[in-house]
Amino acid sequence: MGYFIPTYKIGKKNPKDVVKRGTKIIVKVEDLPKGSHAEIEVLCDYCNKNIVKRNYKTYLYCKSTNR
């Protein structure tokens, strides 16, 4: 999808690209699968001022049930 993911090489004979655990990347929400547990930042529906962090799967569930 064209996202940049920082990697480094490991191994001498057959080096492999490795991603450091905990690496964060910014992706478009449209590119996340519906069952994704990725954390997203959402603008509060009540005050339209605060940005809160939510699990994407939970966000979709709450949005569909009007919670």
PDB file of N, CA and C in Angstrom:
ATOM      1  N   MET A   1       0.810  -1.189   0.000  1.00  0.00           N
ATOM      2  CA  MET A   1       0.000   0.000   0.000  1.00  0.00           C
ATOM      3  C   MET A   1       0.853   1.253   0.000  1.00  0.00           C
ATOM      4  N   GLY A   2       2.158   1.057   0.044  1.00  0.00           N
ATOM      5  CA  GLY A   2       3.048   2.192  -0.087  1.00  0.00           C
ATOM      6  C   GLY A   2       3.467   2.846   1.215  1.00  0.00           C
ATOM      7  N   TYR A   3       3.158   2.244   2.360  1.00  0.00           N
ATOM      8  CA  TYR A   3       3.565   2.823   3.641  1.00  0.00           C
ATOM      9  C   TYR A   3       5.036   2.551   3.903  1.00  0.00           C
ATOM     10  N   PHE A   4       5.708   3.518   4.524  1.00  0.00           N
ATOM     11  CA  PHE A   4       7.108   3.335   4.892  1.00  0.00           C
ATOM     12  C   PHE A   4       7.162   2.664   6.249  1.00  0.00           C
ATOM     13  N   ILE A   5       7.830   1.527   6.319  1.00  0.00           N
ATOM     14  CA  ILE A   5       8.014   0.807   7.573  1.00  0.00           C
ATOM     15  C   ILE A   5       9.516   0.676   7.797  1.00  0.00           C
ATOM     16  N   PRO A   6      10.029   1.311   8.859  1.00  0.00           N
ATOM     17  CA  PRO A   6      11.475   1.258   9.104  1.00  0.00           C
ATOM     18  C   PRO A   6      11.933  -0.160   9.474  1.00  0.00           C
ATOM     19  N   THR A   7      12.957  -0.634   8.779  1.00  0.00           N
ATOM     20  CA  THR A   7      13.497  -1.964   9.035  1.00  0.00           C
ATOM     21  C   THR A   7      15.005  -1.888   9.195  1.00  0.00           C
ATOM     22  N   TYR A   8      15.573  -2.971   9.689  1.00  0.00           N
ATOM     23  CA  TYR A   8      17.019  -3.112   9.738  1.00  0.00           C
ATOM     24  C   TYR A   8      17.366  -4.540   9.362  1.00  0.00           C
ATOM     25  N   LYS A   9      18.602  -4.747   8.942  1.00  0.00           N
ATOM     26  CA  LYS A   9      19.059  -6.069   8.495  1.00  0.00           C
ATOM     27  C   LYS A   9      19.587  -6.867   9.677  1.00  0.00           C
ATOM     28  N   ILE A  10      19.323  -8.172   9.658  1.00  0.00           N
ATOM     29  CA  ILE A  10      19.853  -9.067  10.676  1.00  0.00           C
ATOM     30  C   ILE A  10      20.390 -10.312   9.970  1.00  0.00           C
ATOM     31  N   GLY A  11      21.519 -10.782  10.426  1.00  0.00           N
ATOM     32  CA  GLY A  11      22.151 -11.948   9.827  1.00  0.00           C
ATOM     33  C   GLY A  11      23.211 -11.554   8.817  1.00  0.00           C
ATOM     34  N   LYS A  12      24.248 -12.388   8.699  1.00  0.00           N
ATOM     35  CA  LYS A  12      25.344 -12.065   7.785  1.00  0.00           C
ATOM     36  C   LYS A  12      25.256 -12.853   6.489  1.00  0.00           C
ATOM     37  N   LYS A  13      24.958 -14.141   6.587  1.00  0.00           N
ATOM     38  CA  LYS A  13      24.940 -14.972   5.395  1.00  0.00           C
ATOM     39  C   LYS A  13      23.712 -14.695   4.518  1.00  0.00           C
ATOM     40  N   ASN A  14      22.545 -14.713   5.112  1.00  0.00           N
ATOM     41  CA  ASN A  14      21.291 -14.412   4.411  1.00  0.00           C
ATOM     42  C   ASN A  14      20.551 -13.325   5.202  1.00  0.00           C
ATOM     43  N   PRO A  15      20.942 -12.063   5.026  1.00  0.00           N
ATOM     44  CA  PRO A  15      20.322 -11.001   5.829  1.00  0.00           C
ATOM     45  C   PRO A  15      18.820 -10.867   5.560  1.00  0.00           C
ATOM     46  N   LYS A  16      18.085 -10.615   6.640  1.00  0.00           N
ATOM     47  CA  LYS A  16      16.640 -10.445   6.543  1.00  0.00           C
ATOM     48  C   LYS A  16      16.274  -9.059   7.060  1.00  0.00           C
ATOM     49  N   ASP A  17      15.232  -8.480   6.475  1.00  0.00           N
ATOM     50  CA  ASP A  17      14.701  -7.221   6.985  1.00  0.00           C
ATOM     51  C   ASP A  17      13.836  -7.514   8.203  1.00  0.00           C
ATOM     52  N   VAL A  18      14.067  -6.776   9.275  1.00  0.00           N
ATOM     53  CA  VAL A  18      13.345  -6.973  10.518  1.00  0.00           C
ATOM     54  C   VAL A  18      12.773  -5.635  10.964  1.00  0.00           C
ATOM     55  N   VAL A  19      11.567  -5.668  11.521  1.00  0.00           N
ATOM     56  CA  VAL A  19      10.932  -4.477  12.070  1.00  0.00           C
ATOM     57  C   VAL A  19      11.030  -4.552  13.584  1.00  0.00           C
ATOM     58  N   LYS A  20      11.500  -3.470  14.204  1.00  0.00           N
ATOM     59  CA  LYS A  20      11.647  -3.434  15.656  1.00  0.00           C
ATOM     60  C   LYS A  20      10.271  -3.525  16.310  1.00  0.00           C
ATOM     61  N   ARG A  21      10.150  -4.392  17.323  1.00  0.00           N
ATOM     62  CA  ARG A  21       8.891  -4.553  18.044  1.00  0.00           C
ATOM     63  C   ARG A  21       8.470  -3.219  18.643  1.00  0.00           C
ATOM     64  N   GLY A  22       7.200  -2.884  18.528  1.00  0.00           N
ATOM     65  CA  GLY A  22       6.679  -1.634  19.060  1.00  0.00           C
ATOM     66  C   GLY A  22       6.740  -0.477  18.083  1.00  0.00           C
ATOM     67  N   THR A  23       7.218  -0.741  16.861  1.00  0.00           N
ATOM     68  CA  THR A  23       7.282   0.311  15.840  1.00  0.00           C
ATOM     69  C   THR A  23       5.875   0.778  15.506  1.00  0.00           C
ATOM     70  N   LYS A  24       5.683   2.077  15.468  1.00  0.00           N
ATOM     71  CA  LYS A  24       4.381   2.640  15.130  1.00  0.00           C
ATOM     72  C   LYS A  24       4.443   3.258  13.743  1.00  0.00           C
ATOM     73  N   ILE A  25       3.387   3.025  12.972  1.00  0.00           N
ATOM     74  CA  ILE A  25       3.281   3.646  11.660  1.00  0.00           C
ATOM     75  C   ILE A  25       1.898   4.294  11.560  1.00  0.00           C
ATOM     76  N   ILE A  26       1.786   5.289  10.723  1.00  0.00           N
ATOM     77  CA  ILE A  26       0.514   5.970  10.520  1.00  0.00           C
ATOM     78  C   ILE A  26      -0.080   5.454   9.216  1.00  0.00           C
ATOM     79  N   VAL A  27      -1.310   4.938   9.310  1.00  0.00           N
ATOM     80  CA  VAL A  27      -2.004   4.417   8.138  1.00  0.00           C
ATOM     81  C   VAL A  27      -3.383   5.059   8.040  1.00  0.00           C
ATOM     82  N   LYS A  28      -3.959   4.981   6.869  1.00  0.00           N
ATOM     83  CA  LYS A  28      -5.322   5.470   6.678  1.00  0.00           C
ATOM     84  C   LYS A  28      -6.293   4.490   7.328  1.00  0.00           C
ATOM     85  N   VAL A  29      -7.316   5.009   7.992  1.00  0.00           N
ATOM     86  CA  VAL A  29      -8.309   4.160   8.639  1.00  0.00           C
ATOM     87  C   VAL A  29      -8.980   3.243   7.614  1.00  0.00           C
ATOM     88  N   GLU A  30      -9.155   3.735   6.393  1.00  0.00           N
ATOM     89  CA  GLU A  30      -9.799   2.936   5.347  1.00  0.00           C
ATOM     90  C   GLU A  30      -9.003   1.669   5.027  1.00  0.00           C
ATOM     91  N   ASP A  31      -7.704   1.659   5.346  1.00  0.00           N
ATOM     92  CA  ASP A  31      -6.858   0.511   5.047  1.00  0.00           C
ATOM     93  C   ASP A  31      -6.863  -0.537   6.157  1.00  0.00           C
ATOM     94  N   LEU A  32      -7.505  -0.245   7.284  1.00  0.00           N
ATOM     95  CA  LEU A  32      -7.570  -1.207   8.390  1.00  0.00           C
ATOM     96  C   LEU A  32      -8.702  -2.200   8.149  1.00  0.00           C
ATOM     97  N   PRO A  33      -8.481  -3.476   8.445  1.00  0.00           N
ATOM     98  CA  PRO A  33      -9.582  -4.436   8.352  1.00  0.00           C
ATOM     99  C   PRO A  33     -10.595  -4.169   9.468  1.00  0.00           C
ATOM    100  N   LYS A  34     -11.848  -4.520   9.260  1.00  0.00           N
ATOM    101  CA  LYS A  34     -12.897  -4.237  10.233  1.00  0.00           C
ATOM    102  C   LYS A  34     -12.637  -4.883  11.593  1.00  0.00           C
ATOM    103  N   GLY A  35     -11.946  -5.994  11.652  1.00  0.00           N
ATOM    104  CA  GLY A  35     -11.667  -6.681  12.910  1.00  0.00           C
ATOM    105  C   GLY A  35     -10.365  -6.267  13.562  1.00  0.00           C
ATOM    106  N   SER A  36      -9.757  -5.194  13.075  1.00  0.00           N
ATOM    107  CA  SER A  36      -8.452  -4.769  13.568  1.00  0.00           C
ATOM    108  C   SER A  36      -8.522  -4.273  15.016  1.00  0.00           C
ATOM    109  N   HIS A  37      -7.524  -4.638  15.794  1.00  0.00           N
ATOM    110  CA  HIS A  37      -7.413  -4.164  17.170  1.00  0.00           C
ATOM    111  C   HIS A  37      -6.480  -2.963  17.269  1.00  0.00           C
ATOM    112  N   ALA A  38      -6.156  -2.353  16.143  1.00  0.00           N
ATOM    113  CA  ALA A  38      -5.264  -1.194  16.129  1.00  0.00           C
ATOM    114  C   ALA A  38      -5.896  -0.043  16.901  1.00  0.00           C
ATOM    115  N   GLU A  39      -5.038   0.717  17.567  1.00  0.00           N
ATOM    116  CA  GLU A  39      -5.513   1.872  18.316  1.00  0.00           C
ATOM    117  C   GLU A  39      -5.613   3.068  17.378  1.00  0.00           C
ATOM    118  N   ILE A  40      -6.768   3.744  17.402  1.00  0.00           N
ATOM    119  CA  ILE A  40      -6.982   4.910  16.550  1.00  0.00           C
ATOM    120  C   ILE A  40      -7.334   6.108  17.424  1.00  0.00           C
ATOM    121  N   GLU A  41      -7.121   7.299  16.882  1.00  0.00           N
ATOM    122  CA  GLU A  41      -7.505   8.526  17.577  1.00  0.00           C
ATOM    123  C   GLU A  41      -8.781   9.045  16.941  1.00  0.00           C
ATOM    124  N   VAL A  42      -9.780   9.332  17.789  1.00  0.00           N
ATOM    125  CA  VAL A  42     -11.101   9.719  17.327  1.00  0.00           C
ATOM    126  C   VAL A  42     -11.512  11.020  18.005  1.00  0.00           C
ATOM    127  N   LEU A  43     -12.151  11.895  17.246  1.00  0.00           N
ATOM    128  CA  LEU A  43     -12.690  13.127  17.800  1.00  0.00           C
ATOM    129  C   LEU A  43     -13.961  12.793  18.577  1.00  0.00           C
ATOM    130  N   CYS A  44     -14.073  13.292  19.809  1.00  0.00           N
ATOM    131  CA  CYS A  44     -15.213  13.018  20.678  1.00  0.00           C
ATOM    132  C   CYS A  44     -16.513  13.467  20.018  1.00  0.00           C
ATOM    133  N   ASP A  45     -17.525  12.565  20.007  1.00  0.00           N
ATOM    134  CA  ASP A  45     -18.809  12.873  19.396  1.00  0.00           C
ATOM    135  C   ASP A  45     -19.625  13.882  20.204  1.00  0.00           C
ATOM    136  N   TYR A  46     -19.335  13.998  21.488  1.00  0.00           N
ATOM    137  CA  TYR A  46     -20.138  14.855  22.351  1.00  0.00           C
ATOM    138  C   TYR A  46     -19.653  16.303  22.360  1.00  0.00           C
ATOM    139  N   CYS A  47     -18.344  16.493  22.552  1.00  0.00           N
ATOM    140  CA  CYS A  47     -17.835  17.861  22.682  1.00  0.00           C
ATOM    141  C   CYS A  47     -17.142  18.367  21.419  1.00  0.00           C
ATOM    142  N   ASN A  48     -16.800  17.477  20.496  1.00  0.00           N
ATOM    143  CA  ASN A  48     -16.075  17.833  19.269  1.00  0.00           C
ATOM    144  C   ASN A  48     -14.782  18.589  19.538  1.00  0.00           C
ATOM    145  N   LYS A  49     -14.180  18.386  20.709  1.00  0.00           N
ATOM    146  CA  LYS A  49     -12.922  19.049  21.058  1.00  0.00           C
ATOM    147  C   LYS A  49     -11.834  18.045  21.410  1.00  0.00           C
ATOM    148  N   ASN A  50     -12.179  17.084  22.230  1.00  0.00           N
ATOM    149  CA  ASN A  50     -11.186  16.120  22.711  1.00  0.00           C
ATOM    150  C   ASN A  50     -10.943  15.017  21.693  1.00  0.00           C
ATOM    151  N   ILE A  51      -9.694  14.589  21.620  1.00  0.00           N
ATOM    152  CA  ILE A  51      -9.335  13.439  20.797  1.00  0.00           C
ATOM    153  C   ILE A  51      -9.057  12.287  21.752  1.00  0.00           C
ATOM    154  N   VAL A  52      -9.752  11.175  21.556  1.00  0.00           N
ATOM    155  CA  VAL A  52      -9.606  10.016  22.428  1.00  0.00           C
ATOM    156  C   VAL A  52      -9.052   8.841  21.628  1.00  0.00           C
ATOM    157  N   LYS A  53      -8.378   7.927  22.315  1.00  0.00           N
ATOM    158  CA  LYS A  53      -7.828   6.733  21.666  1.00  0.00           C
ATOM    159  C   LYS A  53      -8.785   5.578  21.890  1.00  0.00           C
ATOM    160  N   ARG A  54      -9.078   4.874  20.805  1.00  0.00           N
ATOM    161  CA  ARG A  54      -9.990   3.737  20.850  1.00  0.00           C
ATOM    162  C   ARG A  54      -9.440   2.602  20.001  1.00  0.00           C
ATOM    163  N   ASN A  55      -9.843   1.399  20.349  1.00  0.00           N
ATOM    164  CA  ASN A  55      -9.577   0.221  19.557  1.00  0.00           C
ATOM    165  C   ASN A  55     -10.496   0.296  18.336  1.00  0.00           C
ATOM    166  N   TYR A  56      -9.983   0.086  17.127  1.00  0.00           N
ATOM    167  CA  TYR A  56     -10.771   0.267  15.905  1.00  0.00           C
ATOM    168  C   TYR A  56     -11.994  -0.639  15.873  1.00  0.00           C
ATOM    169  N   LYS A  57     -11.840  -1.890  16.265  1.00  0.00           N
ATOM    170  CA  LYS A  57     -12.959  -2.832  16.261  1.00  0.00           C
ATOM    171  C   LYS A  57     -14.052  -2.352  17.216  1.00  0.00           C
ATOM    172  N   THR A  58     -13.674  -1.902  18.398  1.00  0.00           N
ATOM    173  CA  THR A  58     -14.624  -1.394  19.378  1.00  0.00           C
ATOM    174  C   THR A  58     -15.301  -0.128  18.869  1.00  0.00           C
ATOM    175  N   TYR A  59     -14.539   0.746  18.229  1.00  0.00           N
ATOM    176  CA  TYR A  59     -15.090   1.978  17.675  1.00  0.00           C
ATOM    177  C   TYR A  59     -16.183   1.667  16.661  1.00  0.00           C
ATOM    178  N   LEU A  60     -15.937   0.726  15.761  1.00  0.00           N
ATOM    179  CA  LEU A  60     -16.941   0.367  14.748  1.00  0.00           C
ATOM    180  C   LEU A  60     -18.191  -0.212  15.403  1.00  0.00           C
ATOM    181  N   TYR A  61     -18.001  -1.046  16.443  1.00  0.00           N
ATOM    182  CA  TYR A  61     -19.144  -1.634  17.134  1.00  0.00           C
ATOM    183  C   TYR A  61     -19.989  -0.558  17.798  1.00  0.00           C
ATOM    184  N   CYS A  62     -19.347   0.351  18.512  1.00  0.00           N
ATOM    185  CA  CYS A  62     -20.069   1.421  19.205  1.00  0.00           C
ATOM    186  C   CYS A  62     -20.759   2.355  18.206  1.00  0.00           C
ATOM    187  N   LYS A  63     -20.122   2.604  17.094  1.00  0.00           N
ATOM    188  CA  LYS A  63     -20.707   3.473  16.076  1.00  0.00           C
ATOM    189  C   LYS A  63     -21.960   2.841  15.464  1.00  0.00           C
ATOM    190  N   SER A  64     -21.932   1.516  15.265  1.00  0.00           N
ATOM    191  CA  SER A  64     -23.064   0.833  14.646  1.00  0.00           C
ATOM    192  C   SER A  64     -24.232   0.673  15.615  1.00  0.00           C
ATOM    193  N   THR A  65     -23.954   0.690  16.930  1.00  0.00           N
ATOM    194  CA  THR A  65     -25.025   0.532  17.924  1.00  0.00           C
ATOM    195  C   THR A  65     -25.392   1.861  18.576  1.00  0.00           C
ATOM    196  N   ASN A  66     -24.824   2.951  18.066  1.00  0.00           N
ATOM    197  CA  ASN A  66     -25.087   4.307  18.588  1.00  0.00           C
ATOM    198  C   ASN A  66     -24.782   4.445  20.065  1.00  0.00           C
ATOM    199  N   ARG A  67     -23.651   3.882  20.503  1.00  0.00           N
ATOM    200  CA  ARG A  67     -23.241   4.004  21.911  1.00  0.00           C
ATOM    201  C   ARG A  67     -22.246   5.108  22.064  1.00  0.00           C
TER     202      ARG A  67
END
